Amino acid sequence: MLLTTTVPAVLDIEASGFGRSSYPIEVGCVLSDGRSFCTLIRPEPEWTHWDPAAELLHHIPRNLVVSKGRSALEVAQLLNVQLRGQTVYSDGWANDFTWISALFEVADLSPYFKLENLRSLLREDEVDRWHDLKQQVGEELGEARHRASNDARLLQRTLQRLMEQR
């Protein structure tokens, strides 16, 4: 589905946990034209932390990530190809920036895109309405799975709705 209002690319990451030892296990992105991609990330040998509470949230078992995930190098290369030269937005910028940094560091690459805080695109009145509107858009989309590409699409559609209301 093509978007009626031009909106920026949005990225979301699912992770092994919430703390300093956590690492990315899935990245999803929805591009400005509405195309999306999503991939699991196989843990690197030094990535050992796994928080069962995080798994309860994203419902991605560690054995699936290990068996079906792509290498950090492959995912970093994919992100660079898909997002080259773009500014991509995230609603969990502090965490997502840390996880993207970990991904690119272990892949020994630099990102060819910039990751920014989605909040920087919002006016104050939109910040106040964000949560309720996101919930409404989520109900309309009807996507129950808490996965990176679904979350990125929800964020982008919520941003689109706000932009259309301006």
Protein backbone atom coordinates (compact mmCIF):
# COMPACT_ATOMS: atom_id res chain seq x y z
CA MET A 1 0.00 0.00 0.00
CA LEU A 2 1.46 3.37 -1.01
CA LEU A 3 1.30 6.16 1.48
CA THR A 4 -0.71 9.28 0.58
CA THR A 5 1.54 11.63 2.55
CA THR A 6 5.29 11.38 2.18
CA VAL A 7 6.64 10.11 5.47
CA PRO A 8 10.17 9.16 6.38
CA ALA A 9 11.50 5.66 6.78
CA VAL A 10 10.92 4.17 10.24
CA LEU A 11 12.98 1.45 11.89
CA ASP A 12 12.28 -0.76 14.88
CA ILE A 13 14.45 -3.29 16.67
CA GLU A 14 13.59 -6.22 18.91
CA ALA A 15 16.32 -7.19 21.34
CA SER A 16 17.52 -9.97 23.59
CA GLY A 17 16.80 -7.92 26.67
CA PHE A 18 16.65 -4.46 28.14
CA GLY A 19 20.05 -3.87 29.75
CA ARG A 20 23.62 -3.14 28.78
CA SER A 21 24.33 -6.71 27.68
CA SER A 22 21.36 -6.87 25.32
CA TYR A 23 21.78 -7.03 21.55
CA PRO A 24 19.55 -6.80 18.48
CA ILE A 25 17.72 -9.95 17.41
CA GLU A 26 15.38 -8.51 14.77
CA VAL A 27 15.30 -5.33 12.72
CA GLY A 28 12.37 -4.12 10.69
CA CYS A 29 12.00 -1.04 8.56
CA VAL A 30 9.27 0.59 6.52
CA LEU A 31 10.58 2.84 3.76
CA SER A 32 9.08 6.14 2.63
CA ASP A 33 7.31 4.42 -0.26
CA GLY A 34 5.65 1.89 2.07
CA ARG A 35 7.89 -1.07 1.19
CA SER A 36 9.14 -2.95 4.23
CA PHE A 37 11.75 -5.46 5.18
CA CYS A 38 12.44 -7.43 8.32
CA THR A 39 15.05 -9.95 9.34
CA LEU A 40 16.16 -11.89 12.37
CA ILE A 41 19.75 -11.38 13.51
CA ARG A 42 21.75 -14.42 14.60
CA PRO A 43 23.59 -13.73 17.87
CA GLU A 44 27.33 -13.32 17.60
CA PRO A 45 29.44 -15.58 19.85
CA GLU A 46 29.99 -12.75 22.36
CA TRP A 47 26.25 -11.97 22.45
CA THR A 48 25.08 -14.32 25.20
CA HIS A 49 22.56 -12.34 27.28
CA TRP A 50 18.96 -13.52 26.95
CA ASP A 51 16.17 -12.05 29.05
CA PRO A 52 13.01 -14.20 29.27
CA ALA A 53 11.00 -11.04 30.07
CA ALA A 54 11.98 -9.57 26.68
CA GLU A 55 11.00 -12.81 24.97
CA LEU A 56 7.57 -12.58 26.61
CA LEU A 57 7.20 -9.18 24.93
CA HIS A 58 8.38 -9.99 21.40
CA HIS A 59 7.63 -13.74 21.37
CA ILE A 60 10.81 -14.56 19.46
CA PRO A 61 12.46 -17.64 20.98
CA ARG A 62 16.25 -17.69 21.11
CA ASN A 63 16.43 -20.98 19.19
CA LEU A 64 14.57 -19.33 16.27
CA VAL A 65 17.01 -16.41 16.21
CA VAL A 66 19.96 -18.81 16.30
CA SER A 67 18.60 -21.11 13.58
CA LYS A 68 16.96 -18.60 11.21
CA GLY A 69 18.82 -15.35 11.86
CA ARG A 70 21.23 -13.75 9.41
CA SER A 71 24.74 -12.82 10.46
CA ALA A 72 25.38 -9.34 11.83
CA LEU A 73 27.53 -8.61 8.77
CA GLU A 74 24.75 -9.60 6.38
CA VAL A 75 22.16 -7.53 8.25
CA ALA A 76 24.44 -4.47 8.43
CA GLN A 77 25.09 -4.74 4.69
CA LEU A 78 21.35 -5.09 4.01
CA LEU A 79 20.58 -2.01 6.09
CA ASN A 80 23.25 -0.02 4.28
CA VAL A 81 21.86 -1.00 0.88
CA GLN A 82 18.23 -0.32 1.80
CA LEU A 83 18.79 2.87 3.81
CA ARG A 84 21.84 4.46 2.16
CA GLY A 85 21.86 8.24 2.49
CA GLN A 86 18.56 8.40 4.37
CA THR A 87 17.60 9.61 7.79
CA VAL A 88 15.60 6.85 9.45
CA TYR A 89 13.46 7.41 12.53
CA SER A 90 12.89 5.32 15.65
CA ASP A 91 10.59 5.83 18.61
CA GLY A 92 13.03 4.09 20.95
CA TRP A 93 16.02 6.01 19.70
CA ALA A 94 18.28 5.59 22.73
CA ASN A 95 17.95 1.81 22.73
CA ASP A 96 17.77 1.40 18.96
CA PHE A 97 20.87 3.57 18.46
CA THR A 98 22.76 1.39 20.94
CA TRP A 99 21.64 -1.82 19.22
CA ILE A 100 22.41 -0.49 15.71
CA SER A 101 25.83 0.55 16.98
CA ALA A 102 26.43 -2.93 18.40
CA LEU A 103 25.36 -4.51 15.12
CA PHE A 104 27.64 -2.35 12.99
CA GLU A 105 30.53 -2.60 15.43
CA VAL A 106 30.55 -6.40 15.39
CA ALA A 107 30.17 -6.33 11.58
CA ASP A 108 33.13 -3.91 11.40
CA LEU A 109 31.13 -1.53 9.19
CA SER A 110 29.83 2.02 9.43
CA PRO A 111 26.16 2.77 8.78
CA TYR A 112 25.46 4.66 5.55
CA PHE A 113 22.31 6.14 7.07
CA LYS A 114 21.45 8.29 10.05
CA LEU A 115 19.16 7.13 12.86
CA GLU A 116 17.14 9.90 14.51
CA ASN A 117 14.52 10.16 17.23
CA LEU A 118 11.01 10.07 15.78
CA ARG A 119 9.94 12.56 18.43
CA SER A 120 12.03 15.22 16.67
CA LEU A 121 9.40 15.19 13.88
CA LEU A 122 6.52 15.94 16.24
CA ARG A 123 5.11 19.23 17.41
CA GLU A 124 4.25 19.56 21.12
CA ASP A 125 0.53 19.05 20.55
CA GLU A 126 1.34 15.93 18.51
CA VAL A 127 3.53 14.55 21.28
CA ASP A 128 0.54 14.87 23.60
CA ARG A 129 -1.72 13.00 21.14
CA TRP A 130 0.83 10.38 20.02
CA HIS A 131 -0.01 7.53 22.40
CA ASP A 132 -3.78 7.64 21.87
CA LEU A 133 -3.45 7.99 18.10
CA LYS A 134 -0.93 5.14 17.94
CA GLN A 135 -3.35 2.91 19.82
CA GLN A 136 -6.16 3.87 17.44
CA VAL A 137 -4.03 3.20 14.35
CA GLY A 138 -2.92 -0.11 15.86
CA GLU A 139 -6.52 -1.17 16.29
CA GLU A 140 -7.25 -0.21 12.67
CA LEU A 141 -4.25 -2.17 11.39
CA GLY A 142 -5.23 -5.14 13.52
CA GLU A 143 -1.67 -6.45 13.74
CA ALA A 144 -1.32 -8.27 17.01
CA ARG A 145 2.24 -9.56 16.60
CA HIS A 146 4.83 -7.45 18.38
CA ARG A 147 7.53 -7.72 15.73
CA ALA A 148 9.95 -5.17 14.33
CA SER A 149 8.38 -4.59 10.91
CA ASN A 150 4.84 -4.47 12.34
CA ASP A 151 5.97 -1.98 14.96
CA ALA A 152 7.76 0.14 12.33
CA ARG A 153 4.62 0.16 10.16
CA LEU A 154 2.48 1.19 13.13
CA LEU A 155 4.87 4.03 13.94
CA GLN A 156 4.99 5.21 10.34
CA ARG A 157 1.21 5.09 9.91
CA THR A 158 0.73 7.01 13.15
CA LEU A 159 3.21 9.62 11.96
CA GLN A 160 1.42 9.76 8.60
CA ARG A 161 -1.92 10.34 10.32
CA LEU A 162 -0.45 13.19 12.36
CA MET A 163 1.06 14.76 9.24
CA GLU A 164 -2.27 14.55 7.40
CA GLN A 165 -3.98 16.31 10.31
CA ARG A 166 -1.58 19.28 10.17
